[in-house]
Amino acid sequence: GSTPDRGLEELAVQEGAIGIITKPISIDELVPKIQTFLQG
């Protein structure tokens, strides 16, 4: 729910995540984002 910034994104990747999705989640954007994450 935090506003993503470069520091948070870098920490997420450093800790082993592949990306960030912010809340509230836009339903229209969610499936394309998930597909992108699934494809690497």
Full PDB file with SEQRES, HELIX, SHEET, SSBOND, CRYST1, ORIGX, SCALE, CONECT and MASTER records, all heavy atoms in Angstrom:
SEQRES   1 A   40  GLY SER THR PRO ASP ARG GLY LEU GLU GLU LEU ALA VAL          
SEQRES   2 A   40  GLN GLU GLY ALA ILE GLY ILE ILE THR LYS PRO ILE SER          
SEQRES   3 A   40  ILE ASP GLU LEU VAL PRO LYS ILE GLN THR PHE LEU GLN          
SEQRES   4 A   40  GLY                                                          
HELIX    1 AA1 ARG A    6  GLN A   14  1                                   9    
HELIX    2 AA2 ILE A   27  LEU A   38  1                                  12    
CRYST1    1.000    1.000    1.000  90.00  90.00  90.00 P 1           1          
ORIGX1      1.000000  0.000000  0.000000        0.00000                         
ORIGX2      0.000000  1.000000  0.000000        0.00000                         
ORIGX3      0.000000  0.000000  1.000000        0.00000                         
SCALE1      1.000000  0.000000  0.000000        0.00000                         
SCALE2      0.000000  1.000000  0.000000        0.00000                         
SCALE3      0.000000  0.000000  1.000000        0.00000                         
ATOM      1  N   GLY A   1       0.823  -1.201   0.000  1.00  0.00           N  
ATOM      2  CA  GLY A   1       0.000   0.000   0.000  1.00  0.00           C  
ATOM      3  C   GLY A   1       0.855   1.247   0.000  1.00  0.00           C  
ATOM      4  O   GLY A   1       0.368   2.354  -0.187  1.00  0.00           O  
ATOM      5  N   SER A   2       2.146   1.076   0.189  1.00  0.00           N  
ATOM      6  CA  SER A   2       3.078   2.205   0.172  1.00  0.00           C  
ATOM      7  C   SER A   2       3.283   2.676  -1.257  1.00  0.00           C  
ATOM      8  O   SER A   2       3.194   1.890  -2.195  1.00  0.00           O  
ATOM      9  CB  SER A   2       4.439   1.796   0.730  1.00  0.00           C  
ATOM     10  OG  SER A   2       4.313   1.288   2.026  1.00  0.00           O  
ATOM     11  N   THR A   3       3.590   3.940  -1.398  1.00  0.00           N  
ATOM     12  CA  THR A   3       3.952   4.444  -2.710  1.00  0.00           C  
ATOM     13  C   THR A   3       5.322   3.878  -3.051  1.00  0.00           C  
ATOM     14  O   THR A   3       6.277   4.069  -2.297  1.00  0.00           O  
ATOM     15  CB  THR A   3       4.020   5.986  -2.705  1.00  0.00           C  
ATOM     16  OG1 THR A   3       2.768   6.478  -2.242  1.00  0.00           O  
ATOM     17  CG2 THR A   3       4.324   6.519  -4.077  1.00  0.00           C  
ATOM     18  N   PRO A   4       5.399   3.136  -4.167  1.00  0.00           N  
ATOM     19  CA  PRO A   4       6.691   2.518  -4.468  1.00  0.00           C  
ATOM     20  C   PRO A   4       7.728   3.567  -4.864  1.00  0.00           C  
ATOM     21  O   PRO A   4       7.414   4.517  -5.566  1.00  0.00           O  
ATOM     22  CB  PRO A   4       6.381   1.594  -5.642  1.00  0.00           C  
ATOM     23  CG  PRO A   4       5.179   2.175  -6.284  1.00  0.00           C  
ATOM     24  CD  PRO A   4       4.406   2.852  -5.179  1.00  0.00           C  
ATOM     25  N   ASP A   5       8.910   3.391  -4.354  1.00  0.00           N  
ATOM     26  CA  ASP A   5      10.007   4.248  -4.771  1.00  0.00           C  
ATOM     27  C   ASP A   5      11.172   3.338  -5.161  1.00  0.00           C  
ATOM     28  O   ASP A   5      11.115   2.133  -4.964  1.00  0.00           O  
ATOM     29  CB  ASP A   5      10.397   5.245  -3.670  1.00  0.00           C  
ATOM     30  CG  ASP A   5      10.785   4.563  -2.369  1.00  0.00           C  
ATOM     31  OD1 ASP A   5      11.356   3.445  -2.406  1.00  0.00           O  
ATOM     32  OD2 ASP A   5      10.533   5.133  -1.304  1.00  0.00           O  
ATOM     33  N   ARG A   6      12.177   3.927  -5.730  1.00  0.00           N  
ATOM     34  CA  ARG A   6      13.301   3.128  -6.196  1.00  0.00           C  
ATOM     35  C   ARG A   6      13.920   2.318  -5.059  1.00  0.00           C  
ATOM     36  O   ARG A   6      14.314   1.181  -5.236  1.00  0.00           O  
ATOM     37  CB  ARG A   6      14.350   4.022  -6.850  1.00  0.00           C  
ATOM     38  CG  ARG A   6      15.468   3.211  -7.457  1.00  0.00           C  
ATOM     39  CD  ARG A   6      16.386   3.949  -8.364  1.00  0.00           C  
ATOM     40  NE  ARG A   6      16.101   4.198  -9.738  1.00  0.00           N  
ATOM     41  CZ  ARG A   6      15.522   3.392 -10.624  1.00  0.00           C  
ATOM     42  NH1 ARG A   6      15.042   2.249 -10.232  1.00  0.00           N  
ATOM     43  NH2 ARG A   6      15.409   3.712 -11.878  1.00  0.00           N  
ATOM     44  N   GLY A   7      13.986   2.897  -3.867  1.00  0.00           N  
ATOM     45  CA  GLY A   7      14.556   2.187  -2.728  1.00  0.00           C  
ATOM     46  C   GLY A   7      13.787   0.921  -2.390  1.00  0.00           C  
ATOM     47  O   GLY A   7      14.379  -0.130  -2.144  1.00  0.00           O  
ATOM     48  N   LEU A   8      12.458   1.018  -2.388  1.00  0.00           N  
ATOM     49  CA  LEU A   8      11.627  -0.148  -2.083  1.00  0.00           C  
ATOM     50  C   LEU A   8      11.762  -1.199  -3.180  1.00  0.00           C  
ATOM     51  O   LEU A   8      11.882  -2.389  -2.902  1.00  0.00           O  
ATOM     52  CB  LEU A   8      10.159   0.260  -1.912  1.00  0.00           C  
ATOM     53  CG  LEU A   8       9.190  -0.884  -1.605  1.00  0.00           C  
ATOM     54  CD1 LEU A   8       9.573  -1.603  -0.318  1.00  0.00           C  
ATOM     55  CD2 LEU A   8       7.765  -0.361  -1.515  1.00  0.00           C  
ATOM     56  N   GLU A   9      11.758  -0.763  -4.426  1.00  0.00           N  
ATOM     57  CA  GLU A   9      11.902  -1.704  -5.542  1.00  0.00           C  
ATOM     58  C   GLU A   9      13.257  -2.401  -5.494  1.00  0.00           C  
ATOM     59  O   GLU A   9      13.336  -3.616  -5.692  1.00  0.00           O  
ATOM     60  CB  GLU A   9      11.715  -0.983  -6.878  1.00  0.00           C  
ATOM     61  CG  GLU A   9      10.278  -0.559  -7.112  1.00  0.00           C  
ATOM     62  CD  GLU A   9      10.068   0.109  -8.459  1.00  0.00           C  
ATOM     63  OE1 GLU A   9      10.744  -0.286  -9.432  1.00  0.00           O  
ATOM     64  OE2 GLU A   9       9.244   1.028  -8.525  1.00  0.00           O  
ATOM     65  N   GLU A  10      14.314  -1.643  -5.210  1.00  0.00           N  
ATOM     66  CA  GLU A  10      15.652  -2.243  -5.116  1.00  0.00           C  
ATOM     67  C   GLU A  10      15.730  -3.231  -3.961  1.00  0.00           C  
ATOM     68  O   GLU A  10      16.310  -4.304  -4.095  1.00  0.00           O  
ATOM     69  CB  GLU A  10      16.715  -1.157  -4.971  1.00  0.00           C  
ATOM     70  CG  GLU A  10      16.949  -0.377  -6.248  1.00  0.00           C  
ATOM     71  CD  GLU A  10      17.922   0.784  -6.082  1.00  0.00           C  
ATOM     72  OE1 GLU A  10      18.442   0.985  -4.959  1.00  0.00           O  
ATOM     73  OE2 GLU A  10      18.153   1.499  -7.071  1.00  0.00           O  
ATOM     74  N   LEU A  11      15.143  -2.871  -2.818  1.00  0.00           N  
ATOM     75  CA  LEU A  11      15.140  -3.772  -1.667  1.00  0.00           C  
ATOM     76  C   LEU A  11      14.362  -5.046  -1.988  1.00  0.00           C  
ATOM     77  O   LEU A  11      14.808  -6.144  -1.658  1.00  0.00           O  
ATOM     78  CB  LEU A  11      14.536  -3.070  -0.441  1.00  0.00           C  
ATOM     79  CG  LEU A  11      14.459  -3.906   0.831  1.00  0.00           C  
ATOM     80  CD1 LEU A  11      15.845  -4.378   1.272  1.00  0.00           C  
ATOM     81  CD2 LEU A  11      13.786  -3.115   1.951  1.00  0.00           C  
ATOM     82  N   ALA A  12      13.223  -4.896  -2.642  1.00  0.00           N  
ATOM     83  CA  ALA A  12      12.415  -6.067  -2.998  1.00  0.00           C  
ATOM     84  C   ALA A  12      13.210  -7.032  -3.875  1.00  0.00           C  
ATOM     85  O   ALA A  12      13.235  -8.243  -3.622  1.00  0.00           O  
ATOM     86  CB  ALA A  12      11.135  -5.617  -3.706  1.00  0.00           C  
ATOM     87  N   VAL A  13      13.874  -6.502  -4.880  1.00  0.00           N  
ATOM     88  CA  VAL A  13      14.674  -7.342  -5.776  1.00  0.00           C  
ATOM     89  C   VAL A  13      15.862  -7.949  -5.019  1.00  0.00           C  
ATOM     90  O   VAL A  13      16.173  -9.131  -5.171  1.00  0.00           O  
ATOM     91  CB  VAL A  13      15.136  -6.544  -7.014  1.00  0.00           C  
ATOM     92  CG1 VAL A  13      16.149  -7.327  -7.838  1.00  0.00           C  
ATOM     93  CG2 VAL A  13      13.930  -6.167  -7.868  1.00  0.00           C  
ATOM     94  N   GLN A  14      16.495  -7.150  -4.183  1.00  0.00           N  
ATOM     95  CA  GLN A  14      17.628  -7.631  -3.380  1.00  0.00           C  
ATOM     96  C   GLN A  14      17.195  -8.785  -2.474  1.00  0.00           C  
ATOM     97  O   GLN A  14      17.944  -9.735  -2.265  1.00  0.00           O  
ATOM     98  CB  GLN A  14      18.167  -6.473  -2.537  1.00  0.00           C  
ATOM     99  CG  GLN A  14      19.351  -6.812  -1.681  1.00  0.00           C  
ATOM    100  CD  GLN A  14      19.811  -5.601  -0.862  1.00  0.00           C  
ATOM    101  OE1 GLN A  14      19.542  -4.460  -1.199  1.00  0.00           O  
ATOM    102  NE2 GLN A  14      20.486  -5.868   0.224  1.00  0.00           N  
ATOM    103  N   GLU A  15      15.969  -8.705  -1.958  1.00  0.00           N  
ATOM    104  CA  GLU A  15      15.466  -9.750  -1.054  1.00  0.00           C  
ATOM    105  C   GLU A  15      14.922 -10.963  -1.807  1.00  0.00           C  
ATOM    106  O   GLU A  15      14.517 -11.941  -1.201  1.00  0.00           O  
ATOM    107  CB  GLU A  15      14.377  -9.177  -0.135  1.00  0.00           C  
ATOM    108  CG  GLU A  15      14.902  -8.158   0.862  1.00  0.00           C  
ATOM    109  CD  GLU A  15      15.865  -8.745   1.873  1.00  0.00           C  
ATOM    110  OE1 GLU A  15      15.696  -9.910   2.289  1.00  0.00           O  
ATOM    111  OE2 GLU A  15      16.812  -8.037   2.263  1.00  0.00           O  
ATOM    112  N   GLY A  16      14.863 -10.865  -3.135  1.00  0.00           N  
ATOM    113  CA  GLY A  16      14.452 -12.023  -3.924  1.00  0.00           C  
ATOM    114  C   GLY A  16      13.109 -11.918  -4.613  1.00  0.00           C  
ATOM    115  O   GLY A  16      12.654 -12.887  -5.237  1.00  0.00           O  
ATOM    116  N   ALA A  17      12.433 -10.775  -4.522  1.00  0.00           N  
ATOM    117  CA  ALA A  17      11.162 -10.602  -5.230  1.00  0.00           C  
ATOM    118  C   ALA A  17      11.446 -10.236  -6.684  1.00  0.00           C  
ATOM    119  O   ALA A  17      12.550  -9.793  -7.018  1.00  0.00           O  
ATOM    120  CB  ALA A  17      10.331  -9.506  -4.567  1.00  0.00           C  
ATOM    121  N   ILE A  18      10.462 -10.409  -7.546  1.00  0.00           N  
ATOM    122  CA  ILE A  18      10.653 -10.084  -8.959  1.00  0.00           C  
ATOM    123  C   ILE A  18       9.972  -8.783  -9.356  1.00  0.00           C  
ATOM    124  O   ILE A  18      10.109  -8.335 -10.489  1.00  0.00           O  
ATOM    125  CB  ILE A  18      10.178 -11.233  -9.872  1.00  0.00           C  
ATOM    126  CG1 ILE A  18       8.692 -11.517  -9.671  1.00  0.00           C  
ATOM    127  CG2 ILE A  18      11.028 -12.470  -9.657  1.00  0.00           C  
ATOM    128  CD1 ILE A  18       8.102 -12.463 -10.690  1.00  0.00           C  
ATOM    129  N   GLY A  19       9.229  -8.176  -8.427  1.00  0.00           N  
ATOM    130  CA  GLY A  19       8.577  -6.921  -8.736  1.00  0.00           C  
ATOM    131  C   GLY A  19       7.632  -6.485  -7.639  1.00  0.00           C  
ATOM    132  O   GLY A  19       7.543  -7.126  -6.592  1.00  0.00           O  
ATOM    133  N   ILE A  20       6.931  -5.388  -7.916  1.00  0.00           N  
ATOM    134  CA  ILE A  20       6.018  -4.789  -6.940  1.00  0.00           C  
ATOM    135  C   ILE A  20       4.696  -4.471  -7.627  1.00  0.00           C  
ATOM    136  O   ILE A  20       4.677  -4.008  -8.773  1.00  0.00           O  
ATOM    137  CB  ILE A  20       6.611  -3.496  -6.355  1.00  0.00           C  
ATOM    138  CG1 ILE A  20       7.841  -3.800  -5.517  1.00  0.00           C  
ATOM    139  CG2 ILE A  20       5.586  -2.741  -5.518  1.00  0.00           C  
ATOM    140  CD1 ILE A  20       8.528  -2.583  -4.948  1.00  0.00           C  
ATOM    141  N   ILE A  21       3.608  -4.713  -6.921  1.00  0.00           N  
ATOM    142  CA  ILE A  21       2.272  -4.268  -7.317  1.00  0.00           C  
ATOM    143  C   ILE A  21       1.767  -3.384  -6.185  1.00  0.00           C  
ATOM    144  O   ILE A  21       1.875  -3.756  -5.021  1.00  0.00           O  
ATOM    145  CB  ILE A  21       1.315  -5.452  -7.534  1.00  0.00           C  
ATOM    146  CG1 ILE A  21       1.768  -6.311  -8.716  1.00  0.00           C  
ATOM    147  CG2 ILE A  21      -0.113  -4.955  -7.753  1.00  0.00           C  
ATOM    148  CD1 ILE A  21       0.942  -7.564  -8.936  1.00  0.00           C  
ATOM    149  N   THR A  22       1.236  -2.212  -6.527  1.00  0.00           N  
ATOM    150  CA  THR A  22       0.751  -1.304  -5.488  1.00  0.00           C  
ATOM    151  C   THR A  22      -0.754  -1.421  -5.301  1.00  0.00           C  
ATOM    152  O   THR A  22      -1.498  -1.700  -6.243  1.00  0.00           O  
ATOM    153  CB  THR A  22       1.111   0.159  -5.808  1.00  0.00           C  
ATOM    154  OG1 THR A  22       0.597   0.489  -7.088  1.00  0.00           O  
ATOM    155  CG2 THR A  22       2.598   0.373  -5.784  1.00  0.00           C  
ATOM    156  N   LYS A  23      -1.169  -1.228  -4.041  1.00  0.00           N  
ATOM    157  CA  LYS A  23      -2.591  -1.165  -3.693  1.00  0.00           C  
ATOM    158  C   LYS A  23      -3.026   0.298  -3.741  1.00  0.00           C  
ATOM    159  O   LYS A  23      -2.212   1.157  -3.413  1.00  0.00           O  
ATOM    160  CB  LYS A  23      -2.825  -1.693  -2.271  1.00  0.00           C  
ATOM    161  CG  LYS A  23      -2.578  -3.157  -2.088  1.00  0.00           C  
ATOM    162  CD  LYS A  23      -2.852  -3.503  -0.640  1.00  0.00           C  
ATOM    163  CE  LYS A  23      -2.578  -4.946  -0.320  1.00  0.00           C  
ATOM    164  NZ  LYS A  23      -2.810  -5.264   1.089  1.00  0.00           N  
ATOM    165  N   PRO A  24      -4.241   0.604  -4.060  1.00  0.00           N  
ATOM    166  CA  PRO A  24      -5.252  -0.364  -4.498  1.00  0.00           C  
ATOM    167  C   PRO A  24      -4.874  -0.933  -5.864  1.00  0.00           C  
ATOM    168  O   PRO A  24      -4.314  -0.248  -6.703  1.00  0.00           O  
ATOM    169  CB  PRO A  24      -6.536   0.455  -4.571  1.00  0.00           C  
ATOM    170  CG  PRO A  24      -6.091   1.869  -4.725  1.00  0.00           C  
ATOM    171  CD  PRO A  24      -4.758   1.980  -4.060  1.00  0.00           C  
ATOM    172  N   ILE A  25      -5.210  -2.193  -6.049  1.00  0.00           N  
ATOM    173  CA  ILE A  25      -4.857  -2.894  -7.274  1.00  0.00           C  
ATOM    174  C   ILE A  25      -5.875  -2.564  -8.361  1.00  0.00           C  
ATOM    175  O   ILE A  25      -7.069  -2.727  -8.156  1.00  0.00           O  
ATOM    176  CB  ILE A  25      -4.809  -4.421  -7.019  1.00  0.00           C  
ATOM    177  CG1 ILE A  25      -3.716  -4.737  -6.003  1.00  0.00           C  
ATOM    178  CG2 ILE A  25      -4.591  -5.182  -8.315  1.00  0.00           C  
ATOM    179  CD1 ILE A  25      -3.717  -6.165  -5.513  1.00  0.00           C  
ATOM    180  N   SER A  26      -5.386  -2.103  -9.474  1.00  0.00           N  
ATOM    181  CA  SER A  26      -6.251  -1.841 -10.627  1.00  0.00           C  
ATOM    182  C   SER A  26      -6.553  -3.169 -11.305  1.00  0.00           C  
ATOM    183  O   SER A  26      -5.653  -3.819 -11.843  1.00  0.00           O  
ATOM    184  CB  SER A  26      -5.558  -0.895 -11.603  1.00  0.00           C  
ATOM    185  OG  SER A  26      -6.246  -0.903 -12.837  1.00  0.00           O  
ATOM    186  N   ILE A  27      -7.811  -3.580 -11.278  1.00  0.00           N  
ATOM    187  CA  ILE A  27      -8.215  -4.852 -11.862  1.00  0.00           C  
ATOM    188  C   ILE A  27      -7.869  -4.904 -13.349  1.00  0.00           C  
ATOM    189  O   ILE A  27      -7.444  -5.934 -13.863  1.00  0.00           O  
ATOM    190  CB  ILE A  27      -9.728  -5.097 -11.624  1.00  0.00           C  
ATOM    191  CG1 ILE A  27      -9.988  -5.326 -10.127  1.00  0.00           C  
ATOM    192  CG2 ILE A  27     -10.238  -6.269 -12.430  1.00  0.00           C  
ATOM    193  CD1 ILE A  27      -9.306  -6.527  -9.523  1.00  0.00           C  
ATOM    194  N   ASP A  28      -8.046  -3.778 -14.055  1.00  0.00           N  
ATOM    195  CA  ASP A  28      -7.752  -3.747 -15.491  1.00  0.00           C  
ATOM    196  C   ASP A  28      -6.278  -4.011 -15.784  1.00  0.00           C  
ATOM    197  O   ASP A  28      -5.947  -4.559 -16.831  1.00  0.00           O  
ATOM    198  CB  ASP A  28      -8.143  -2.392 -16.096  1.00  0.00           C  
ATOM    199  CG  ASP A  28      -9.641  -2.158 -16.076  1.00  0.00           C  
ATOM    200  OD1 ASP A  28     -10.393  -3.157 -16.030  1.00  0.00           O  
ATOM    201  OD2 ASP A  28     -10.057  -0.994 -16.099  1.00  0.00           O  
ATOM    202  N   GLU A  29      -5.403  -3.605 -14.871  1.00  0.00           N  
ATOM    203  CA  GLU A  29      -3.963  -3.764 -15.081  1.00  0.00           C  
ATOM    204  C   GLU A  29      -3.414  -5.047 -14.472  1.00  0.00           C  
ATOM    205  O   GLU A  29      -2.296  -5.456 -14.793  1.00  0.00           O  
ATOM    206  CB  GLU A  29      -3.222  -2.577 -14.469  1.00  0.00           C  
ATOM    207  CG  GLU A  29      -3.537  -1.252 -15.117  1.00  0.00           C  
ATOM    208  CD  GLU A  29      -2.886  -0.074 -14.405  1.00  0.00           C  
ATOM    209  OE1 GLU A  29      -2.039  -0.296 -13.506  1.00  0.00           O  
ATOM    210  OE2 GLU A  29      -3.223   1.069 -14.736  1.00  0.00           O  
ATOM    211  N   LEU A  30      -4.194  -5.689 -13.595  1.00  0.00           N  
ATOM    212  CA  LEU A  30      -3.661  -6.810 -12.824  1.00  0.00           C  
ATOM    213  C   LEU A  30      -3.291  -8.018 -13.680  1.00  0.00           C  
ATOM    214  O   LEU A  30      -2.187  -8.529 -13.576  1.00  0.00           O  
ATOM    215  CB  LEU A  30      -4.653  -7.218 -11.725  1.00  0.00           C  
ATOM    216  CG  LEU A  30      -4.158  -8.337 -10.815  1.00  0.00           C  
ATOM    217  CD1 LEU A  30      -2.874  -7.928 -10.102  1.00  0.00           C  
ATOM    218  CD2 LEU A  30      -5.233  -8.704  -9.813  1.00  0.00           C  
ATOM    219  N   VAL A  31      -4.196  -8.479 -14.515  1.00  0.00           N  
ATOM    220  CA  VAL A  31      -3.908  -9.687 -15.299  1.00  0.00           C  
ATOM    221  C   VAL A  31      -2.710  -9.478 -16.223  1.00  0.00           C  
ATOM    222  O   VAL A  31      -1.815 -10.333 -16.253  1.00  0.00           O  
ATOM    223  CB  VAL A  31      -5.163 -10.181 -16.055  1.00  0.00           C  
ATOM    224  CG1 VAL A  31      -4.807 -11.306 -17.018  1.00  0.00           C  
ATOM    225  CG2 VAL A  31      -6.218 -10.651 -15.057  1.00  0.00           C  
ATOM    226  N   PRO A  32      -2.627  -8.345 -16.955  1.00  0.00           N  
ATOM    227  CA  PRO A  32      -1.413  -8.145 -17.769  1.00  0.00           C  
ATOM    228  C   PRO A  32      -0.133  -8.121 -16.928  1.00  0.00           C  
ATOM    229  O   PRO A  32       0.900  -8.653 -17.354  1.00  0.00           O  
ATOM    230  CB  PRO A  32      -1.653  -6.793 -18.454  1.00  0.00           C  
ATOM    231  CG  PRO A  32      -3.134  -6.631 -18.468  1.00  0.00           C  
ATOM    232  CD  PRO A  32      -3.630  -7.307 -17.233  1.00  0.00           C  
ATOM    233  N   LYS A  33      -0.193  -7.522 -15.733  1.00  0.00           N  
ATOM    234  CA  LYS A  33       0.992  -7.508 -14.860  1.00  0.00           C  
ATOM    235  C   LYS A  33       1.369  -8.922 -14.444  1.00  0.00           C  
ATOM    236  O   LYS A  33       2.535  -9.301 -14.472  1.00  0.00           O  
ATOM    237  CB  LYS A  33       0.742  -6.664 -13.609  1.00  0.00           C  
ATOM    238  CG  LYS A  33       0.856  -5.183 -13.848  1.00  0.00           C  
ATOM    239  CD  LYS A  33       0.714  -4.416 -12.546  1.00  0.00           C  
ATOM    240  CE  LYS A  33       0.831  -2.924 -12.793  1.00  0.00           C  
ATOM    241  NZ  LYS A  33       0.749  -2.141 -11.567  1.00  0.00           N  
ATOM    242  N   ILE A  34       0.365  -9.712 -14.058  1.00  0.00           N  
ATOM    243  CA  ILE A  34       0.626 -11.086 -13.640  1.00  0.00           C  
ATOM    244  C   ILE A  34       1.239 -11.876 -14.803  1.00  0.00           C  
ATOM    245  O   ILE A  34       2.210 -12.612 -14.616  1.00  0.00           O  
ATOM    246  CB  ILE A  34      -0.664 -11.761 -13.122  1.00  0.00           C  
ATOM    247  CG1 ILE A  34      -1.047 -11.169 -11.765  1.00  0.00           C  
ATOM    248  CG2 ILE A  34      -0.477 -13.280 -12.998  1.00  0.00           C  
ATOM    249  CD1 ILE A  34      -2.397 -11.624 -11.244  1.00  0.00           C  
ATOM    250  N   GLN A  35       0.678 -11.699 -15.994  1.00  0.00           N  
ATOM    251  CA  GLN A  35       1.212 -12.415 -17.174  1.00  0.00           C  
ATOM    252  C   GLN A  35       2.674 -12.022 -17.411  1.00  0.00           C  
ATOM    253  O   GLN A  35       3.509 -12.878 -17.710  1.00  0.00           O  
ATOM    254  CB  GLN A  35       0.378 -12.098 -18.425  1.00  0.00           C  
ATOM    255  CG  GLN A  35      -1.035 -12.619 -18.363  1.00  0.00           C  
ATOM    256  CD  GLN A  35      -1.142 -14.140 -18.425  1.00  0.00           C  
ATOM    257  OE1 GLN A  35      -0.152 -14.851 -18.454  1.00  0.00           O  
ATOM    258  NE2 GLN A  35      -2.360 -14.631 -18.402  1.00  0.00           N  
ATOM    259  N   THR A  36       2.986 -10.739 -17.259  1.00  0.00           N  
ATOM    260  CA  THR A  36       4.367 -10.275 -17.444  1.00  0.00           C  
ATOM    261  C   THR A  36       5.288 -10.929 -16.418  1.00  0.00           C  
ATOM    262  O   THR A  36       6.375 -11.422 -16.760  1.00  0.00           O  
ATOM    263  CB  THR A  36       4.437  -8.739 -17.316  1.00  0.00           C  
ATOM    264  OG1 THR A  36       3.641  -8.158 -18.345  1.00  0.00           O  
ATOM    265  CG2 THR A  36       5.875  -8.243 -17.438  1.00  0.00           C  
ATOM    266  N   PHE A  37       4.857 -10.963 -15.140  1.00  0.00           N  
ATOM    267  CA  PHE A  37       5.675 -11.588 -14.097  1.00  0.00           C  
ATOM    268  C   PHE A  37       5.845 -13.089 -14.363  1.00  0.00           C  
ATOM    269  O   PHE A  37       6.925 -13.649 -14.153  1.00  0.00           O  
ATOM    270  CB  PHE A  37       5.062 -11.378 -12.721  1.00  0.00           C  
ATOM    271  CG  PHE A  37       5.184  -9.956 -12.222  1.00  0.00           C  
ATOM    272  CD1 PHE A  37       4.064  -9.266 -11.771  1.00  0.00           C  
ATOM    273  CD2 PHE A  37       6.395  -9.290 -12.198  1.00  0.00           C  
ATOM    274  CE1 PHE A  37       4.165  -7.958 -11.303  1.00  0.00           C  
ATOM    275  CE2 PHE A  37       6.520  -7.998 -11.741  1.00  0.00           C  
ATOM    276  CZ  PHE A  37       5.390  -7.323 -11.295  1.00  0.00           C  
ATOM    277  N   LEU A  38       4.796 -13.754 -14.833  1.00  0.00           N  
ATOM    278  CA  LEU A  38       4.879 -15.185 -15.121  1.00  0.00           C  
ATOM    279  C   LEU A  38       5.827 -15.477 -16.277  1.00  0.00           C  
ATOM    280  O   LEU A  38       6.454 -16.534 -16.322  1.00  0.00           O  
ATOM    281  CB  LEU A  38       3.492 -15.760 -15.420  1.00  0.00           C  
ATOM    282  CG  LEU A  38       2.567 -15.899 -14.220  1.00  0.00           C  
ATOM    283  CD1 LEU A  38       1.137 -16.177 -14.676  1.00  0.00           C  
ATOM    284  CD2 LEU A  38       3.051 -16.983 -13.269  1.00  0.00           C  
ATOM    285  N   GLN A  39       5.931 -14.533 -17.209  1.00  0.00           N  
ATOM    286  CA  GLN A  39       6.804 -14.712 -18.373  1.00  0.00           C  
ATOM    287  C   GLN A  39       8.239 -14.275 -18.090  1.00  0.00           C  
ATOM    288  O   GLN A  39       9.081 -14.265 -18.985  1.00  0.00           O  
ATOM    289  CB  GLN A  39       6.231 -13.947 -19.571  1.00  0.00           C  
ATOM    290  CG  GLN A  39       4.923 -14.519 -20.043  1.00  0.00           C  
ATOM    291  CD  GLN A  39       4.179 -13.584 -20.997  1.00  0.00           C  
ATOM    292  OE1 GLN A  39       4.681 -12.535 -21.380  1.00  0.00           O  
ATOM    293  NE2 GLN A  39       2.964 -13.966 -21.349  1.00  0.00           N  
ATOM    294  N   GLY A  40       8.487 -13.853 -16.858  1.00  0.00           N  
ATOM    295  CA  GLY A  40       9.854 -13.496 -16.474  1.00  0.00           C  
ATOM    296  C   GLY A  40      10.158 -12.020 -16.460  1.00  0.00           C  
ATOM    297  O   GLY A  40      11.279 -11.631 -16.167  1.00  0.00           O  
TER     298      GLY A  40                                                      
MASTER        0    0    0    2    0    0    0    6  297    1    0    4          
END                                                                             
